[in-house]
Protein backbone atom coordinates (compact mmCIF):
# COMPACT_ATOMS: atom_id res chain seq x y z
CA MET A 1 -18.13 82.29 -52.37
CA ALA A 2 -20.14 82.81 -55.56
CA GLN A 3 -22.97 80.37 -56.19
CA THR A 4 -23.72 78.84 -59.57
CA THR A 5 -26.86 77.07 -60.75
CA ARG A 6 -27.05 74.33 -63.36
CA VAL A 7 -30.25 72.77 -64.72
CA VAL A 8 -30.34 69.50 -66.65
CA LYS A 9 -33.20 67.32 -67.85
CA LEU A 10 -33.29 63.69 -66.76
CA ALA A 11 -35.41 60.83 -68.02
CA PRO A 12 -37.37 59.01 -65.26
CA ALA A 13 -35.01 56.02 -65.32
CA ALA A 14 -31.97 58.30 -65.14
CA ALA A 15 -33.46 60.20 -62.19
CA LYS A 16 -34.08 56.93 -60.34
CA GLN A 17 -30.56 55.71 -61.04
CA LEU A 18 -29.14 59.06 -59.88
CA LEU A 19 -30.98 58.76 -56.57
CA GLU A 20 -29.60 55.26 -56.04
CA GLN A 21 -26.10 56.43 -56.89
CA LEU A 22 -26.29 59.40 -54.53
CA ARG A 23 -27.54 57.29 -51.63
CA GLU A 24 -24.58 54.98 -52.23
CA ALA A 25 -21.84 57.56 -52.80
CA LEU A 26 -22.65 60.58 -50.63
CA PRO A 27 -21.23 60.79 -47.09
CA VAL A 28 -23.39 59.80 -44.16
CA ASP A 29 -23.88 63.44 -43.13
CA ALA A 30 -25.65 64.30 -46.39
CA GLU A 31 -28.79 66.33 -45.64
CA TRP A 32 -31.83 64.87 -47.40
CA ARG A 33 -34.67 67.39 -47.70
CA GLN A 34 -38.39 67.46 -48.46
CA VAL A 35 -39.10 69.87 -51.33
CA PRO A 36 -42.55 70.38 -52.92
CA HIS A 37 -42.89 68.75 -56.35
CA ALA A 38 -39.46 67.14 -56.03
CA SER A 39 -38.68 63.43 -56.05
CA PHE A 40 -35.62 64.15 -53.91
CA SER A 41 -33.36 66.94 -52.69
CA VAL A 42 -30.02 66.63 -50.95
CA LYS A 43 -27.39 69.00 -49.61
CA SER A 44 -23.88 67.57 -49.66
CA VAL A 45 -20.40 67.89 -51.23
CA GLY A 46 -20.82 71.65 -51.50
CA VAL A 47 -24.06 71.70 -53.52
CA VAL A 48 -27.80 71.38 -53.17
CA ALA A 49 -29.20 68.99 -55.78
CA THR A 50 -32.97 68.88 -56.29
CA CYS A 51 -34.66 66.60 -58.80
CA TYR A 52 -38.24 67.64 -59.58
CA THR A 53 -40.96 65.29 -60.71
CA SER A 54 -40.85 67.05 -64.09
CA GLY A 55 -37.40 65.55 -64.59
CA LYS A 56 -35.48 68.79 -64.09
CA LEU A 57 -32.40 68.44 -61.92
CA VAL A 58 -31.30 71.72 -60.35
CA VAL A 59 -27.81 71.82 -58.85
CA GLN A 60 -26.70 74.89 -56.92
CA GLY A 61 -23.38 75.57 -55.26
CA ALA A 62 -19.82 76.73 -55.72
CA ASP A 63 -19.02 74.02 -58.29
CA PRO A 64 -22.14 72.28 -59.64
CA ASP A 65 -20.22 71.21 -62.75
CA LEU A 66 -18.04 68.91 -60.65
CA PHE A 67 -21.19 67.32 -59.17
CA LEU A 68 -22.69 66.82 -62.64
CA GLU A 69 -19.47 65.36 -63.99
CA ARG A 70 -19.25 62.90 -61.12
CA PHE A 71 -22.86 61.78 -60.91
CA VAL A 72 -24.58 62.65 -64.21
CA GLY A 73 -21.74 62.02 -66.61
CA GLY A 74 -21.28 65.65 -67.57
CA ALA A 75 -24.82 66.16 -68.87
CA ALA A 76 -25.03 69.45 -70.74
CA PRO A 77 -26.88 72.20 -68.87
CA GLU A 78 -30.02 73.59 -70.46
CA PRO A 79 -29.80 77.05 -72.10
CA SER A 80 -31.77 78.42 -69.14
CA LYS A 81 -28.89 77.75 -66.77
CA VAL A 82 -27.91 80.57 -64.44
CA ALA A 83 -24.20 81.10 -63.84
CA SER A 84 -22.36 83.50 -61.63
CA PRO A 85 -20.03 85.98 -63.34
CA ASN A 86 -17.11 84.30 -61.59
CA SER A 87 -18.02 80.73 -62.45
CA GLY A 88 -14.86 80.21 -64.48
CA GLY A 89 -14.02 78.93 -67.90
CA GLY A 90 -16.83 76.39 -68.30
CA ASP A 91 -16.12 74.30 -71.37
CA ALA A 92 -13.25 76.37 -72.77
CA PRO A 93 -10.94 74.23 -74.95
CA LEU A 94 -7.86 72.68 -73.40
CA PRO A 95 -5.33 72.60 -76.24
CA LEU A 96 -2.63 69.98 -76.63
CA ASP A 97 0.21 72.45 -77.20
CA ARG A 98 3.02 70.93 -75.10
CA PRO A 99 4.11 67.50 -73.84
CA THR A 100 1.33 66.49 -71.46
CA LEU A 101 0.22 63.57 -69.35
CA GLY A 102 -3.54 63.03 -69.16
CA SER A 103 -5.47 60.60 -66.97
CA ASP A 104 -9.05 59.44 -66.55
CA GLU A 105 -10.94 56.56 -64.98
CA ALA A 106 -13.74 54.10 -65.74
CA GLY A 107 -15.86 51.78 -63.65
CA LYS A 108 -16.21 53.87 -60.49
CA GLY A 109 -20.01 54.01 -60.80
CA ASP A 110 -20.40 50.39 -61.92
CA TYR A 111 -21.19 47.67 -59.40
CA PHE A 112 -19.72 44.92 -61.57
CA GLY A 113 -16.28 44.90 -63.09
CA PRO A 114 -12.99 46.58 -62.27
CA LEU A 115 -12.00 50.12 -61.44
CA VAL A 116 -9.63 51.37 -64.13
CA VAL A 117 -7.37 54.40 -64.40
CA ALA A 118 -5.50 55.12 -67.62
CA ALA A 119 -2.88 57.75 -68.36
CA VAL A 120 -1.24 58.72 -71.64
CA HIS A 121 1.69 60.84 -72.78
CA ALA A 122 0.94 63.08 -75.75
CA THR A 123 2.69 66.01 -77.41
CA GLU A 124 1.67 68.77 -79.79
CA ALA A 125 2.92 66.52 -82.60
CA ASP A 126 0.18 63.99 -81.72
CA ALA A 127 -2.66 66.52 -81.81
CA LYS A 128 -3.55 66.09 -85.50
CA ALA A 129 -3.45 62.30 -85.37
CA LEU A 130 -5.76 62.26 -82.35
CA SER A 131 -8.14 64.67 -84.07
CA ASP A 132 -8.12 62.60 -87.28
CA LEU A 133 -8.96 59.47 -85.26
CA GLY A 134 -11.97 61.23 -83.74
CA VAL A 135 -10.66 60.92 -80.19
CA THR A 136 -13.22 62.35 -77.77
CA ASP A 137 -14.74 61.65 -74.38
CA SER A 138 -15.38 57.90 -74.26
CA LYS A 139 -18.89 58.52 -72.89
CA ALA A 140 -19.80 59.82 -76.36
CA LEU A 141 -18.67 56.56 -78.01
CA SER A 142 -20.25 53.15 -78.41
CA ASP A 143 -18.52 50.23 -76.72
CA SER A 144 -17.31 48.86 -80.04
CA ARG A 145 -15.97 52.24 -81.16
CA ALA A 146 -14.16 52.75 -77.85
CA ARG A 147 -12.50 49.36 -78.18
CA LEU A 148 -11.48 50.04 -81.78
CA LEU A 149 -9.98 53.41 -80.92
CA ALA A 150 -8.23 51.98 -77.88
CA GLY A 151 -6.30 49.61 -80.12
CA ARG A 152 -5.13 52.51 -82.28
CA LEU A 153 -4.21 54.63 -79.27
CA GLU A 154 -2.14 51.84 -77.72
CA GLU A 155 -0.01 51.91 -80.88
CA LEU A 156 0.17 55.71 -81.10
CA LEU A 157 0.79 56.86 -77.51
CA ASP A 158 2.85 55.69 -74.58
CA HIS A 159 0.36 54.82 -71.86
CA ARG A 160 -0.22 53.12 -68.53
CA VAL A 161 -3.47 51.39 -67.62
CA VAL A 162 -4.08 50.34 -64.01
CA VAL A 163 -6.85 47.75 -63.63
CA VAL A 164 -8.10 46.86 -60.15
CA GLN A 165 -10.31 43.78 -60.36
CA PRO A 166 -13.20 43.49 -57.88
CA ALA A 167 -11.55 41.15 -55.36
CA ASP A 168 -8.53 43.44 -55.10
CA TYR A 169 -10.76 46.52 -55.23
CA ASN A 170 -12.76 45.31 -52.23
CA ARG A 171 -9.58 44.85 -50.19
CA ARG A 172 -8.10 48.18 -51.22
CA HIS A 173 -11.35 50.09 -50.70
CA ALA A 174 -11.68 48.66 -47.19
CA ALA A 175 -8.11 49.71 -46.41
CA ALA A 176 -8.49 53.22 -47.88
CA GLY A 177 -11.95 53.75 -46.40
CA ASN A 178 -12.85 56.15 -49.21
CA LEU A 179 -13.24 55.72 -52.96
CA ASN A 180 -11.66 59.08 -53.79
CA VAL A 181 -8.54 58.24 -51.79
CA LEU A 182 -8.18 54.95 -53.67
CA LEU A 183 -8.89 56.62 -57.01
CA ALA A 184 -6.34 59.36 -56.37
CA ASP A 185 -3.68 56.75 -55.60
CA LEU A 186 -4.43 54.97 -58.88
CA HIS A 187 -4.14 58.23 -60.83
CA ALA A 188 -0.84 58.91 -59.08
CA GLU A 189 0.40 55.41 -59.93
CA ALA A 190 -0.43 55.77 -63.63
CA LEU A 191 0.83 59.34 -63.95
CA GLY A 192 3.96 58.60 -61.94
CA ASP A 193 4.91 55.67 -64.14
CA LEU A 194 4.66 57.83 -67.27
CA ALA A 195 6.38 60.80 -65.65
CA GLY A 196 9.41 58.61 -65.01
CA ARG A 197 9.60 57.77 -68.71
CA HIS A 198 8.83 61.27 -70.01
CA PRO A 199 10.69 64.03 -68.19
CA ASP A 200 9.60 66.40 -70.98
CA ALA A 201 6.02 66.34 -69.64
CA HIS A 202 5.83 69.17 -67.12
CA THR A 203 2.02 69.35 -67.35
CA ALA A 204 -0.55 66.80 -66.16
CA VAL A 205 -4.29 67.08 -66.76
CA VAL A 206 -6.69 65.03 -64.63
CA ASP A 207 -10.46 64.75 -64.90
CA ARG A 208 -11.41 66.19 -61.52
CA PHE A 209 -13.40 63.91 -59.21
CA ALA A 210 -12.58 65.30 -55.77
CA ASN A 211 -10.92 68.19 -53.98
CA GLU A 212 -7.72 69.05 -55.85
CA LYS A 213 -5.66 68.33 -52.73
CA VAL A 214 -6.58 64.64 -52.88
CA VAL A 215 -4.77 63.94 -56.16
CA ALA A 216 -1.98 66.42 -55.40
CA GLY A 217 -1.41 64.67 -52.08
CA ALA A 218 -1.35 61.22 -53.67
CA LEU A 219 1.26 62.42 -56.17
CA ALA A 220 3.33 64.00 -53.40
CA ASN A 221 3.21 60.75 -51.41
CA ARG A 222 4.89 59.07 -54.38
CA GLY A 223 7.44 61.86 -54.77
CA ILE A 224 5.89 63.07 -58.02
CA GLY A 225 5.57 66.74 -58.93
CA PHE A 226 4.51 68.65 -62.02
CA GLU A 227 5.12 72.28 -62.89
CA GLN A 228 1.43 72.44 -63.82
CA LEU A 229 -1.24 70.08 -62.45
CA ILE A 230 -4.60 70.87 -64.02
CA GLN A 231 -7.72 69.32 -62.46
CA VAL A 232 -11.00 70.35 -64.08
CA PRO A 233 -14.44 68.81 -64.69
CA ARG A 234 -14.90 67.44 -68.22
CA ALA A 235 -11.15 67.35 -68.73
CA GLU A 236 -11.82 65.10 -71.72
CA ARG A 237 -11.82 68.41 -73.60
CA HIS A 238 -8.07 67.85 -73.60
CA ALA A 239 -7.00 65.31 -76.20
CA ALA A 240 -4.68 63.49 -73.79
CA VAL A 241 -7.45 62.99 -71.23
CA ALA A 242 -9.91 61.96 -73.95
CA ALA A 243 -7.41 59.34 -75.13
CA ALA A 244 -6.96 58.15 -71.54
CA SER A 245 -10.73 57.93 -71.09
CA ILE A 246 -10.97 55.65 -74.14
CA LEU A 247 -8.20 53.35 -72.90
CA ALA A 248 -9.83 53.19 -69.47
CA ARG A 249 -13.25 52.46 -70.96
CA ALA A 250 -11.94 49.65 -73.16
CA ALA A 251 -10.06 48.08 -70.23
CA PHE A 252 -13.19 48.29 -68.07
CA LEU A 253 -15.28 46.59 -70.75
CA ASP A 254 -12.69 43.81 -71.06
CA GLY A 255 -12.67 43.42 -67.29
CA LEU A 256 -16.47 43.30 -67.15
CA ASP A 257 -16.48 40.58 -69.80
CA ALA A 258 -13.90 38.61 -67.82
CA CYS A 259 -16.06 38.88 -64.70
CA ALA A 260 -19.11 37.64 -66.61
CA GLU A 261 -17.15 34.66 -67.93
CA ALA A 262 -15.81 33.88 -64.46
CA CYS A 263 -19.23 33.76 -62.83
CA GLY A 264 -21.09 32.18 -65.74
CA THR A 265 -23.81 34.78 -66.24
CA ASP A 266 -24.39 38.08 -68.02
CA LEU A 267 -23.53 41.19 -66.03
CA HIS A 268 -24.64 44.79 -66.51
CA LYS A 269 -23.02 48.19 -66.32
CA GLY A 270 -24.18 50.78 -63.81
CA ALA A 271 -25.86 50.18 -60.46
CA GLY A 272 -29.60 50.09 -61.23
CA GLU A 273 -32.28 47.39 -61.08
CA PRO A 274 -30.85 45.23 -63.94
CA VAL A 275 -27.64 45.04 -61.94
CA ASP A 276 -29.53 43.78 -58.88
CA VAL A 277 -31.15 41.08 -61.00
CA ALA A 278 -27.76 39.97 -62.30
CA ALA A 279 -26.30 40.06 -58.79
CA ARG A 280 -29.00 37.73 -57.51
CA ARG A 281 -28.07 35.29 -60.30
CA VAL A 282 -24.42 35.46 -59.24
CA VAL A 283 -25.35 34.75 -55.61
CA ALA A 284 -27.51 31.82 -56.69
CA ILE A 285 -24.57 30.39 -58.61
CA GLY A 286 -21.79 30.87 -56.09
CA GLY A 287 -22.96 32.78 -53.06
CA GLU A 288 -21.40 35.86 -51.52
CA GLY A 289 -17.91 34.55 -52.20
CA LEU A 290 -18.43 34.57 -55.93
CA LEU A 291 -20.13 37.96 -55.77
CA GLY A 292 -17.02 39.41 -54.15
CA THR A 293 -14.91 38.40 -57.14
CA VAL A 294 -17.05 40.26 -59.69
CA ALA A 295 -18.65 43.17 -57.78
CA LYS A 296 -17.70 46.20 -55.69
CA LEU A 297 -19.24 45.10 -52.42
CA HIS A 298 -19.51 48.49 -50.69
CA PHE A 299 -22.24 49.54 -53.15
CA LYS A 300 -25.75 49.41 -51.71
CA ASN A 301 -26.64 46.80 -54.31
CA THR A 302 -24.96 44.24 -52.04
CA GLY A 303 -27.38 44.89 -49.20
CA ARG A 304 -30.31 44.59 -51.56
CA VAL A 305 -29.33 41.20 -52.94
CA LEU A 306 -27.91 39.38 -49.90
């Protein structure tokens, strides 16, 4: 299989946060390596990722873009990237030229707050309105802009938003035993609900987060099939997925605010040191029981604060 290399530049804080995230999310058989002049190097999920002390992150493997999308938020590769001739379409546009369902998620890398999956139904007739609104990947938007756009999108497009609050998330994650399995089931739930209302939508586009068989299997388990199921990294290039990402982001932010109100202290996004500080405040207020109502307990943050 052809190998592809991607190189991105990370700030020191981002590199530290990436290391924490990888230690939390990668399987137990991940191979951690010692590499000269590198702060860390790991071989897992089909790639070798090496972060040098200069801040350069080098990811090599069959699909480094999927790794970057999952763990680095789709950071753009530097111009010096090396790609195999067969590395695929990269960031080629994904046009909204037929009735399509698009889905995306928010909150999977955040210790506090819910896990959210949103799906929308959009047609070629909606393309101009979405473009005029400035609909794009929610990661490129401020929180306030994402919330504003979400309100407009709720009026414009039929949609389904599935919000799994932390207490329910902790139960469902323990039962599933794997975040990707849980996430795939949530995508299938949201897409399946819309598919039942829109038989014209023969195409579904999903922001890829795991092996394609995971989502396809979750859909099949619910008796849902599409003529075309597209799973690609950075699927927010498609207007329907971008719209879904905004709805998911806004619902996550609302859920995070609700968690903060419920525990009586400010909470933070992500999984870095400020999150640990906030988690210790939550434990001081209400112990582990309260923490389990506002946080995803399988994250390593839990072990650091209890």
